[in-house]
Structure formats: C-alpha cells, structure tokens
Protein backbone atom coordinates (compact mmCIF):
# COMPACT_ATOMS: atom_id res chain seq x y z
CA MET A 1 -34.24 -25.01 15.01
CA LEU A 2 -33.61 -22.75 18.00
CA ASP A 3 -35.15 -23.87 21.30
CA TYR A 4 -35.29 -21.89 24.54
CA SER A 5 -35.79 -23.29 27.99
CA GLN A 6 -38.36 -20.59 28.79
CA PRO A 7 -40.02 -17.71 26.99
CA ALA A 8 -38.70 -14.19 27.35
CA ARG A 9 -40.44 -12.04 29.92
CA LEU A 10 -43.17 -9.97 28.34
CA ASP A 11 -45.15 -7.02 29.62
CA ARG A 12 -48.92 -6.84 29.51
CA ARG A 13 -48.83 -5.72 25.87
CA GLY A 14 -46.75 -8.69 24.82
CA ARG A 15 -43.52 -6.76 24.55
CA PRO A 16 -40.17 -7.45 26.21
CA GLY A 17 -39.67 -6.37 29.80
CA PRO A 18 -38.22 -3.12 31.11
CA VAL A 19 -35.60 -1.24 29.14
CA LEU A 20 -32.10 -1.68 30.53
CA GLU A 21 -30.62 1.42 32.09
CA LEU A 22 -27.20 2.68 31.04
CA GLY A 23 -25.23 1.06 33.86
CA PRO A 24 -26.68 -2.47 33.58
CA LEU A 25 -26.59 -2.25 29.78
CA LEU A 26 -22.89 -1.42 29.67
CA ARG A 27 -22.08 -4.14 32.18
CA ARG A 28 -23.76 -6.74 29.97
CA VAL A 29 -22.28 -5.83 26.60
CA ASP A 30 -19.65 -8.10 25.09
CA TRP A 31 -16.50 -6.13 25.89
CA THR A 32 -14.34 -8.54 23.94
CA LEU A 33 -16.39 -7.79 20.83
CA MET A 34 -16.37 -4.08 21.67
CA ILE A 35 -12.58 -3.96 21.89
CA ALA A 36 -12.14 -6.13 18.79
CA VAL A 37 -14.38 -3.88 16.69
CA GLY A 38 -12.63 -0.76 17.95
CA ALA A 39 -9.25 -2.28 17.15
CA LEU A 40 -10.49 -3.32 13.71
CA VAL A 41 -11.70 0.17 12.86
CA ALA A 42 -8.46 1.75 14.10
CA TYR A 43 -6.38 -0.80 12.21
CA GLY A 44 -8.39 -0.17 9.07
CA LEU A 45 -7.74 3.58 9.31
CA TRP A 46 -4.03 2.90 9.81
CA ILE A 47 -4.02 0.65 6.76
CA LEU A 48 -5.73 3.28 4.60
CA ASP A 49 -3.32 5.93 5.84
CA GLY A 50 -0.43 3.99 4.36
CA VAL A 51 -2.24 2.75 1.26
CA THR A 52 -3.63 6.12 0.11
CA ALA A 53 -0.85 8.49 1.18
CA ASN A 54 0.18 9.10 -2.45
CA ASP A 55 -3.29 9.03 -4.05
CA VAL A 56 -4.18 12.72 -3.80
CA SER A 57 -1.40 15.16 -4.60
CA GLY A 58 -0.91 17.69 -1.82
CA ASP A 59 -3.37 15.99 0.53
CA PRO A 60 -2.00 12.68 1.83
CA ASN A 61 -4.74 12.46 4.47
CA TYR A 62 -7.68 12.89 2.09
CA TYR A 63 -8.99 9.31 2.15
CA VAL A 64 -8.18 8.52 5.75
CA ALA A 65 -9.89 11.75 6.91
CA ARG A 66 -13.02 10.81 4.95
CA GLN A 67 -12.93 7.30 6.36
CA ALA A 68 -12.54 8.66 9.88
CA THR A 69 -15.67 10.77 9.32
CA TYR A 70 -17.57 7.68 8.17
CA ALA A 71 -16.28 5.83 11.23
CA ALA A 72 -17.63 8.60 13.45
CA VAL A 73 -21.04 8.39 11.79
CA GLY A 74 -20.94 4.60 12.08
CA THR A 75 -20.03 4.86 15.76
CA ALA A 76 -23.07 7.05 16.34
CA GLY A 77 -25.17 4.43 14.58
CA PHE A 78 -23.54 1.76 16.73
CA LEU A 79 -24.54 3.57 19.92
CA VAL A 80 -28.11 4.12 18.73
CA ALA A 81 -28.44 0.44 17.81
CA LEU A 82 -27.02 -0.57 21.19
CA PHE A 83 -29.78 1.26 23.07
CA VAL A 84 -32.65 0.11 20.83
CA ASP A 85 -34.38 -3.09 21.92
CA PRO A 86 -34.03 -5.56 19.00
CA ASP A 87 -37.73 -6.41 19.31
CA HIS A 88 -38.51 -3.04 17.71
CA TYR A 89 -36.90 -4.32 14.51
CA ARG A 90 -39.05 -7.41 14.67
CA ARG A 91 -42.27 -5.46 14.96
CA GLY A 92 -41.23 -3.04 12.21
CA ARG A 93 -39.93 -5.63 9.79
CA THR A 94 -42.61 -4.95 7.14
CA VAL A 95 -41.71 -1.27 7.02
CA THR A 96 -38.03 -2.23 6.93
CA TYR A 97 -38.53 -4.53 3.96
CA GLY A 98 -40.64 -2.00 2.07
CA LEU A 99 -38.10 0.74 2.63
CA MET A 100 -35.27 -1.51 1.44
CA VAL A 101 -37.04 -2.54 -1.77
CA ALA A 102 -38.25 1.00 -2.50
CA THR A 103 -34.74 2.41 -2.09
CA LEU A 104 -33.26 -0.22 -4.40
CA LEU A 105 -35.92 0.63 -7.00
CA VAL A 106 -35.01 4.32 -6.73
CA VAL A 107 -31.39 3.39 -7.42
CA LEU A 108 -32.38 1.84 -10.74
CA VAL A 109 -34.36 4.94 -11.71
CA ALA A 110 -32.32 7.83 -10.30
CA GLY A 111 -29.06 6.29 -9.17
CA VAL A 112 -25.59 7.64 -9.90
CA GLU A 113 -23.66 5.64 -12.48
CA VAL A 114 -19.98 5.00 -11.79
CA ARG A 115 -17.86 2.81 -14.07
CA GLY A 116 -20.84 1.17 -15.70
CA SER A 117 -22.70 0.37 -12.47
CA THR A 118 -25.66 2.23 -11.00
CA ARG A 119 -25.35 1.49 -7.29
CA TRP A 120 -25.32 4.86 -5.54
CA LEU A 121 -27.77 7.55 -4.50
CA GLU A 122 -26.84 11.14 -3.73
CA LEU A 123 -28.58 12.90 -0.87
CA GLY A 124 -27.49 16.36 0.20
CA GLY A 125 -24.01 15.91 -1.23
CA PHE A 126 -23.58 12.53 0.46
CA ARG A 127 -23.31 9.52 -1.82
CA PHE A 128 -24.32 6.18 -0.35
CA GLN A 129 -24.88 2.63 -1.58
CA PRO A 130 -28.29 1.23 -0.54
CA SER A 131 -27.28 -2.34 -1.35
CA GLU A 132 -24.82 -2.23 1.57
CA PHE A 133 -27.53 -1.26 4.03
CA GLY A 134 -29.78 -3.86 2.42
CA LYS A 135 -27.47 -6.64 3.62
CA LEU A 136 -28.39 -5.82 7.22
CA LEU A 137 -32.03 -4.94 6.57
CA LEU A 138 -32.66 -8.23 4.78
CA VAL A 139 -31.28 -10.23 7.72
CA VAL A 140 -33.51 -8.34 10.14
CA PHE A 141 -36.63 -8.82 8.01
CA LEU A 142 -36.08 -12.51 7.34
CA ALA A 143 -35.30 -13.16 11.01
CA GLY A 144 -38.58 -11.57 12.04
CA PHE A 145 -40.53 -13.40 9.34
CA LEU A 146 -39.12 -16.80 10.31
CA ALA A 147 -39.13 -16.30 14.08
CA ASP A 148 -42.81 -15.38 14.08
CA ARG A 149 -43.64 -18.69 12.47
CA GLY A 150 -42.10 -20.69 15.29
CA LYS A 151 -42.16 -24.41 14.54
CA ARG A 152 -43.71 -23.69 11.14
CA ALA A 153 -40.39 -22.14 10.10
CA GLY A 154 -39.28 -25.61 9.00
CA GLU A 155 -42.20 -26.06 6.60
CA SER A 156 -41.56 -25.97 2.87
CA ARG A 157 -43.99 -23.14 2.21
CA THR A 158 -42.28 -20.97 4.83
CA THR A 159 -38.90 -21.65 3.26
CA LEU A 160 -40.25 -20.83 -0.20
CA ALA A 161 -41.77 -17.61 1.08
CA ALA A 162 -38.46 -16.59 2.65
CA VAL A 163 -36.65 -17.35 -0.60
CA GLY A 164 -39.18 -15.26 -2.50
CA PHE A 165 -38.77 -12.31 -0.16
CA ALA A 166 -34.97 -12.51 -0.48
CA LEU A 167 -35.07 -12.82 -4.27
CA VAL A 168 -36.70 -9.41 -4.75
CA PRO A 169 -33.83 -7.29 -3.34
CA ALA A 170 -31.22 -9.75 -4.62
CA VAL A 171 -32.48 -9.38 -8.19
CA LEU A 172 -32.71 -5.60 -7.87
CA VAL A 173 -29.09 -5.54 -6.72
CA PHE A 174 -27.98 -8.02 -9.40
CA VAL A 175 -29.26 -5.79 -12.23
CA GLN A 176 -27.42 -2.67 -10.96
CA PRO A 177 -25.17 -4.69 -11.63
CA ASP A 178 -23.72 -5.73 -8.26
CA VAL A 179 -23.16 -9.48 -8.25
CA GLY A 180 -21.10 -9.35 -5.07
CA SER A 181 -23.86 -7.88 -2.91
CA ALA A 182 -26.40 -10.27 -4.45
CA LEU A 183 -24.17 -13.15 -3.34
CA VAL A 184 -24.04 -11.73 0.20
CA TYR A 185 -27.85 -11.63 0.23
CA GLY A 186 -27.86 -15.30 -0.73
CA ALA A 187 -25.40 -16.21 2.01
CA ALA A 188 -27.50 -14.33 4.57
CA LEU A 189 -30.61 -16.16 3.38
CA GLY A 190 -28.95 -19.54 3.82
CA ALA A 191 -27.78 -18.62 7.32
CA VAL A 192 -31.15 -17.44 8.61
CA LEU A 193 -32.94 -20.45 7.13
CA PHE A 194 -30.48 -22.80 8.81
CA LEU A 195 -30.86 -21.11 12.19
CA ALA A 196 -34.63 -20.93 11.88
CA GLY A 197 -34.83 -24.70 11.47
CA ALA A 198 -35.16 -25.31 7.73
CA ARG A 199 -34.70 -29.01 7.02
CA TRP A 200 -31.54 -30.31 5.36
CA LEU A 201 -33.52 -31.41 2.30
CA GLN A 202 -34.88 -27.89 1.87
CA LEU A 203 -31.40 -26.41 2.14
CA ALA A 204 -30.15 -28.97 -0.38
CA TRP A 205 -32.90 -27.97 -2.82
CA LEU A 206 -32.01 -24.33 -2.28
CA ALA A 207 -28.35 -25.05 -3.06
CA ALA A 208 -29.40 -26.98 -6.18
CA GLY A 209 -31.55 -24.04 -7.26
CA VAL A 210 -28.63 -21.64 -6.84
CA ALA A 211 -26.44 -23.96 -8.90
CA ALA A 212 -29.08 -24.17 -11.64
CA VAL A 213 -29.38 -20.38 -11.79
CA ALA A 214 -25.59 -20.05 -11.98
CA VAL A 215 -25.46 -22.55 -14.86
CA PHE A 216 -28.16 -20.66 -16.74
CA VAL A 217 -26.53 -17.27 -16.19
CA LEU A 218 -23.08 -18.48 -17.23
CA TRP A 219 -23.86 -20.96 -20.00
CA GLY A 220 -27.52 -21.62 -20.68
CA GLY A 221 -28.58 -18.01 -21.15
CA PRO A 222 -25.69 -17.01 -23.45
CA ALA A 223 -26.27 -20.17 -25.52
CA MET A 224 -29.85 -19.00 -26.05
CA GLY A 225 -28.77 -15.45 -26.83
CA VAL A 226 -29.75 -14.12 -23.40
CA GLU A 227 -26.83 -12.23 -21.86
CA LEU A 228 -27.46 -11.61 -18.15
CA LEU A 229 -23.94 -10.48 -17.30
CA LYS A 230 -22.04 -7.44 -18.47
CA PRO A 231 -18.98 -8.13 -20.66
CA TYR A 232 -16.58 -7.13 -17.88
CA GLN A 233 -18.32 -9.55 -15.50
CA VAL A 234 -17.90 -12.37 -17.99
CA GLU A 235 -14.22 -11.46 -18.33
CA ARG A 236 -13.79 -11.63 -14.56
CA LEU A 237 -15.27 -15.11 -14.40
CA THR A 238 -13.29 -16.46 -17.33
CA ALA A 239 -10.17 -14.87 -15.85
CA PHE A 240 -10.78 -16.80 -12.64
CA TYR A 241 -10.92 -20.10 -14.51
CA ASN A 242 -7.92 -19.23 -16.69
CA PRO A 243 -5.81 -16.57 -14.91
CA SER A 244 -2.98 -16.63 -17.44
CA GLN A 245 -5.09 -16.05 -20.54
CA ASP A 246 -4.80 -12.25 -20.72
CA PRO A 247 -2.16 -10.84 -18.33
CA GLY A 248 -2.55 -7.30 -19.64
CA GLY A 249 -6.34 -7.29 -19.75
CA ALA A 250 -8.99 -9.28 -17.91
CA THR A 251 -6.55 -10.93 -15.51
CA TYR A 252 -4.42 -7.84 -14.90
CA ASN A 253 -5.98 -6.88 -11.56
CA VAL A 254 -5.70 -10.34 -10.04
CA ASN A 255 -2.16 -10.88 -11.33
CA GLN A 256 -1.00 -7.56 -9.90
CA SER A 257 -2.77 -8.36 -6.63
CA GLN A 258 -0.95 -11.67 -6.31
CA ILE A 259 2.35 -9.98 -7.07
CA ALA A 260 1.67 -7.43 -4.33
CA VAL A 261 0.76 -10.11 -1.78
CA GLY A 262 3.87 -12.14 -2.60
CA ALA A 263 6.17 -9.10 -2.62
CA GLY A 264 5.25 -8.25 0.97
CA GLY A 265 7.07 -11.23 2.39
CA VAL A 266 7.03 -11.62 6.15
CA THR A 267 7.19 -8.03 7.36
CA GLY A 268 6.34 -6.06 4.21
CA ARG A 269 7.99 -3.35 2.17
CA GLY A 270 6.57 -0.47 4.18
CA PRO A 271 4.46 2.38 2.74
CA SER A 272 7.38 3.99 0.92
CA GLY A 273 8.67 0.78 -0.66
CA ALA A 274 5.36 -0.68 -1.83
CA THR A 275 5.79 -0.14 -5.57
CA GLN A 276 2.68 -2.07 -6.62
CA THR A 277 0.52 0.28 -4.57
CA ASN A 278 2.43 3.56 -4.90
CA LEU A 279 2.96 3.33 -8.67
CA ASP A 280 -0.66 2.28 -9.32
CA TYR A 281 0.22 -1.10 -10.74
CA LEU A 282 -2.48 -2.43 -8.42
CA PRO A 283 -5.87 -0.89 -9.34
CA GLU A 284 -8.50 -0.21 -6.68
CA HIS A 285 -5.85 -0.57 -3.99
CA ALA A 286 -7.96 1.32 -1.44
CA THR A 287 -11.20 -0.57 -2.08
CA ASP A 288 -11.49 -4.01 -3.68
CA PHE A 289 -7.80 -4.89 -3.38
CA VAL A 290 -6.93 -3.16 -0.14
CA PHE A 291 -5.95 -6.50 1.41
CA ALA A 292 -3.28 -6.93 -1.27
CA SER A 293 -1.94 -3.46 -0.52
CA LEU A 294 -1.83 -4.32 3.18
CA ALA A 295 0.06 -7.53 2.45
CA GLU A 296 2.58 -5.65 0.31
CA GLN A 297 3.18 -2.89 2.86
CA ARG A 298 2.96 -4.88 6.10
CA GLY A 299 3.62 -8.41 4.93
CA PHE A 300 2.40 -11.66 6.43
CA VAL A 301 2.51 -10.19 9.93
CA GLY A 302 0.24 -7.26 9.09
CA ALA A 303 -2.22 -9.43 7.17
CA SER A 304 -2.29 -11.98 9.99
CA ILE A 305 -3.17 -9.28 12.53
CA LEU A 306 -6.13 -8.22 10.41
CA LEU A 307 -7.34 -11.80 9.95
CA ALA A 308 -6.97 -12.45 13.68
CA LEU A 309 -9.17 -9.44 14.44
CA TYR A 310 -11.75 -10.71 11.95
CA LEU A 311 -11.67 -14.12 13.57
CA LEU A 312 -12.24 -12.59 16.99
CA VAL A 313 -15.20 -10.51 15.78
CA VAL A 314 -16.86 -13.43 13.97
CA TRP A 315 -16.33 -15.70 17.00
CA ARG A 316 -17.97 -13.21 19.35
CA ALA A 317 -20.78 -12.65 16.86
CA LEU A 318 -21.48 -16.38 16.81
CA ASN A 319 -21.29 -16.44 20.59
CA THR A 320 -24.09 -13.88 20.62
CA VAL A 321 -26.34 -16.51 19.02
CA ALA A 322 -25.90 -18.65 22.12
CA VAL A 323 -26.82 -15.91 24.61
CA ALA A 324 -29.73 -14.39 22.66
CA ARG A 325 -32.99 -14.20 24.59
CA ASP A 326 -35.25 -15.35 21.73
CA ALA A 327 -35.23 -16.94 18.29
CA PHE A 328 -35.46 -13.61 16.45
CA SER A 329 -32.36 -12.22 18.15
CA ALA A 330 -30.43 -15.44 17.61
CA ILE A 331 -31.28 -15.56 13.90
CA VAL A 332 -30.28 -11.91 13.45
CA ALA A 333 -26.95 -12.50 15.19
CA GLY A 334 -26.24 -15.59 13.11
CA GLY A 335 -27.18 -13.86 9.86
CA ILE A 336 -24.89 -10.91 10.63
CA ALA A 337 -22.01 -13.24 11.51
CA VAL A 338 -22.33 -15.33 8.35
CA ALA A 339 -22.75 -12.31 6.05
CA LEU A 340 -19.65 -10.71 7.57
CA LEU A 341 -17.62 -13.91 7.28
CA PHE A 342 -18.74 -14.42 3.67
CA GLN A 343 -17.58 -10.94 2.67
CA ILE A 344 -14.21 -11.42 4.35
CA VAL A 345 -13.59 -14.80 2.72
CA VAL A 346 -14.61 -13.67 -0.77
CA ASN A 347 -12.66 -10.40 -0.68
CA VAL A 348 -9.47 -11.98 0.64
CA GLY A 349 -9.96 -14.93 -1.72
CA MET A 350 -10.19 -12.75 -4.81
CA THR A 351 -6.98 -10.90 -3.95
CA ILE A 352 -5.02 -14.17 -3.97
CA GLY A 353 -6.80 -15.77 -6.92
CA MET A 354 -8.95 -18.16 -4.86
CA ALA A 355 -12.26 -16.48 -5.77
CA PRO A 356 -13.50 -14.46 -8.77
CA VAL A 357 -13.47 -10.67 -8.56
CA THR A 358 -16.94 -9.59 -7.43
CA GLY A 359 -16.47 -6.11 -6.01
CA ILE A 360 -17.26 -7.08 -2.42
CA PRO A 361 -15.53 -4.59 -0.07
CA LEU A 362 -13.30 -5.73 2.77
CA PRO A 363 -15.35 -5.04 5.93
CA PHE A 364 -14.12 -2.18 8.14
CA VAL A 365 -11.12 -1.58 5.88
CA SER A 366 -12.10 -0.76 2.27
CA ALA A 367 -12.52 2.96 1.64
CA GLY A 368 -16.19 3.89 1.53
CA GLY A 369 -18.85 5.04 3.91
CA SER A 370 -21.82 2.75 3.24
CA SER A 371 -20.01 -0.48 4.08
CA LEU A 372 -18.29 0.89 7.20
CA ILE A 373 -21.44 2.50 8.61
CA THR A 374 -23.54 -0.60 7.94
CA ASN A 375 -21.03 -2.90 9.62
CA LEU A 376 -20.77 -0.67 12.70
CA VAL A 377 -24.56 -0.52 13.03
CA ALA A 378 -24.63 -4.31 12.70
CA MET A 379 -22.12 -4.56 15.56
CA GLY A 380 -24.35 -2.30 17.62
CA ILE A 381 -27.29 -4.63 17.02
CA LEU A 382 -25.13 -7.58 18.09
CA GLN A 383 -24.26 -5.78 21.31
CA ALA A 384 -27.92 -4.97 21.95
CA ILE A 385 -28.79 -8.64 21.49
CA HIS A 386 -25.95 -9.76 23.75
CA ALA A 387 -26.76 -7.32 26.57
CA ARG A 388 -30.45 -8.13 26.63
CA GLY A 389 -29.77 -11.83 26.30
CA ARG A 390 -27.54 -11.77 29.35
CA ALA A 391 -30.16 -9.79 31.22
CA ALA A 392 -32.81 -12.41 30.42
CA SER A 393 -30.34 -15.25 31.21
CA HIS A 394 -32.15 -17.71 28.99
CA PRO A 395 -29.94 -20.59 27.86
CA ILE A 396 -30.26 -21.71 24.27
CA ARG A 397 -29.65 -24.98 22.51
CA ILE A 398 -29.70 -25.76 18.80
CA ARG A 399 -31.76 -28.65 17.51
CA ARG A 400 -31.85 -29.71 13.90
CA ALA A 401 -35.12 -31.10 12.59
C-alpha cells in the first residue's frame, strides 16, 4: 500500500491547504512531462498530416485541421485540470461515477451507430465517445473509493466492492460493443488495486476471474449457444490465433498492416511513396492502424521517435506517483500511467500481429477527438498532482502487504 511520512496539511474544514498561485504552480509542474506531451501532440499532428493527405479529395488538410481543433480543446481541458486541486475529484467521486454510468446508458439507448457499434453520442453537432472519457473517470472514482478506506483498502470486501463498481461501466462498454475500452477499464482496475494495497492473493484471484470470463466468452458460452461476441469480433480473435487462414478476409487488416510496417524499412518511403496507405490497402490507416502508416512513411526511425516520446511520458507519469501528496493522488497518477501504457502496447501490438485487433486508438495520434481530449485532460491532472505534491514535499514509499 502507499504510506506517507506525514499527512497532508488540511484547513479547518478538512480540506487541503491554500490554493497555489500561478507563479508557484508553474514552477512546480513537471516541465519534462509538459514538453514531452507537447512534442507528442505536435508529432501526432505531423503524422496525421502525412497519413491523411490523400483521404479527402480537394482538402488534404481536412483531418489534420480537425485534429488540431481537438488538440486545442484538449489543451484548454489540460489547463483547467492543472488549476483544479485533485481533492475536488475525490470529494465529487460519487457524482463522477453516476455521470459516467448514466452517460454510458444513454449511449445504449440513443447512441449513434457506426459500422455495427453504438459508441457515440451527438451533442450540438459534435460527436463524442463517452467510453473514452470513462477511462479517466473510472480511475478517479476508484482512487477516491480506495483511498478513503485507508488500511481497509487491502481487505477482501473492499477489493470486491471496487471490482463491482468497475464491472458496471465495463459491461456497459462491452455491449456497445467496445471490447478494447472494456479491457482498458480492467487494466485501470488492476493498477489502482495494486497501488491501494490489495494483497497478491486478491490480485491473483482477480486475474483468475478474468481468465474464467474470457474462457466462457470465447468457448463456454458459444458451446452452450450463448454468443456474447459479434461475428466480426470472433473473426478478429481467430485471425490472431491463425493469421494465415483468410488473407483476403478476417486477417486482411493485420496482414496489410504488417506489410506496411515492414515496407517502411529504416527511414520509410515518405508520404508520397507509401503505397499501402495512399492506395487504401491498409484500412483505418488514420485510426486503428495509424502506427503502421507511420512505420511505412517514416520507417524505424519515425516509429522509434514516437515510442521514445511515449516512454518519456509514461516514465514521468509514474514519477508523479512518487511525489504525490496523498494516497488518492498517487493512485490516480498510477492508474492514468498504466491505462495509457496498456493502450499503447495493445495498439502497437495489434499492428504487428502481437495482439488481437480490439479497436483501441493510439493515444495522442489516432484521428478522433474523444481520445485526444481525454488524454490531454489526464495529463493536466497529472501536472496538478505533481505541482501540489512538490508543494507539500511529502516523501512517499511503497509497501506491499
């Protein structure tokens, strides 16, 4: 569990001490993380500029202009999150959880269906994906729930309660269907439980439960006539186990992605010579398989730069855990870091055939507003935690029960 050498300073109402003014706040932010995130957003826009230049006839800047708009909105969210004391999220966690679940329920009732999935809501002409925002909201809620239980966070009933709370949004997302986001919710749950002090045996039982559910969904349910996955989802999974079974059908996307990655070589073909991307041999080259398009156009060098930026961001996010002023802030930082890392690993893995296709976007790069805005807000929360942790100057150590 997370132990602190002394409690955070509280005012007479039991709330954190004075709000940091602009000058002290900016001096205490993690400037390495700030620069890394800025570079990642800029690099992502540059990638999309090359990847989507031929997608809209007569308007080569269509996608990159939209993404730049989303980046601007996300930057505003980043700044708001930076100036909000993280303890406000802790106190409002019940409202946060209710809003998340209610929004996901609305998606099932009045959501917009695209390619067989109902994942989006339209509001004033803006289409957004609540499951993306739910990844961050779930981390915040679970962190508050577990942190408030202190040493009782390691008890079995607390762990079971946390699992139950996480299952509700995860199931609602799974039936959209959006297996990828449901998996991210599971990864975030595991991270916050670990940081909150759940015992190894409890985590082992949780892993066993996940394995049992996977077995039922993939084999047990279908054997009993209960199909929990859509046909295309089943095809994706079978294609992962046997990638050569149907080169023109179920395995087409992955095969074309691997060809694109391999064709890039060391320095890439450049935007004009990337035939897999430009001739649409590679589907979803601006979203799910944008990493493959990057590898084709910019080669090993371009892909390595992106991965290095990811590594820097994840490292600084994990460093925020160590400087956090309290258990809640540390758990939030760790949950954000693990969820981000999980999405990166799965997305890159599926483009090279190391993971099944799940539809998880590549953070900060895949075209789409919900993912980019959510990730930028998450970075703002990390900076808020870091700045206030440095101000409190409370060292932290990790102890496993």
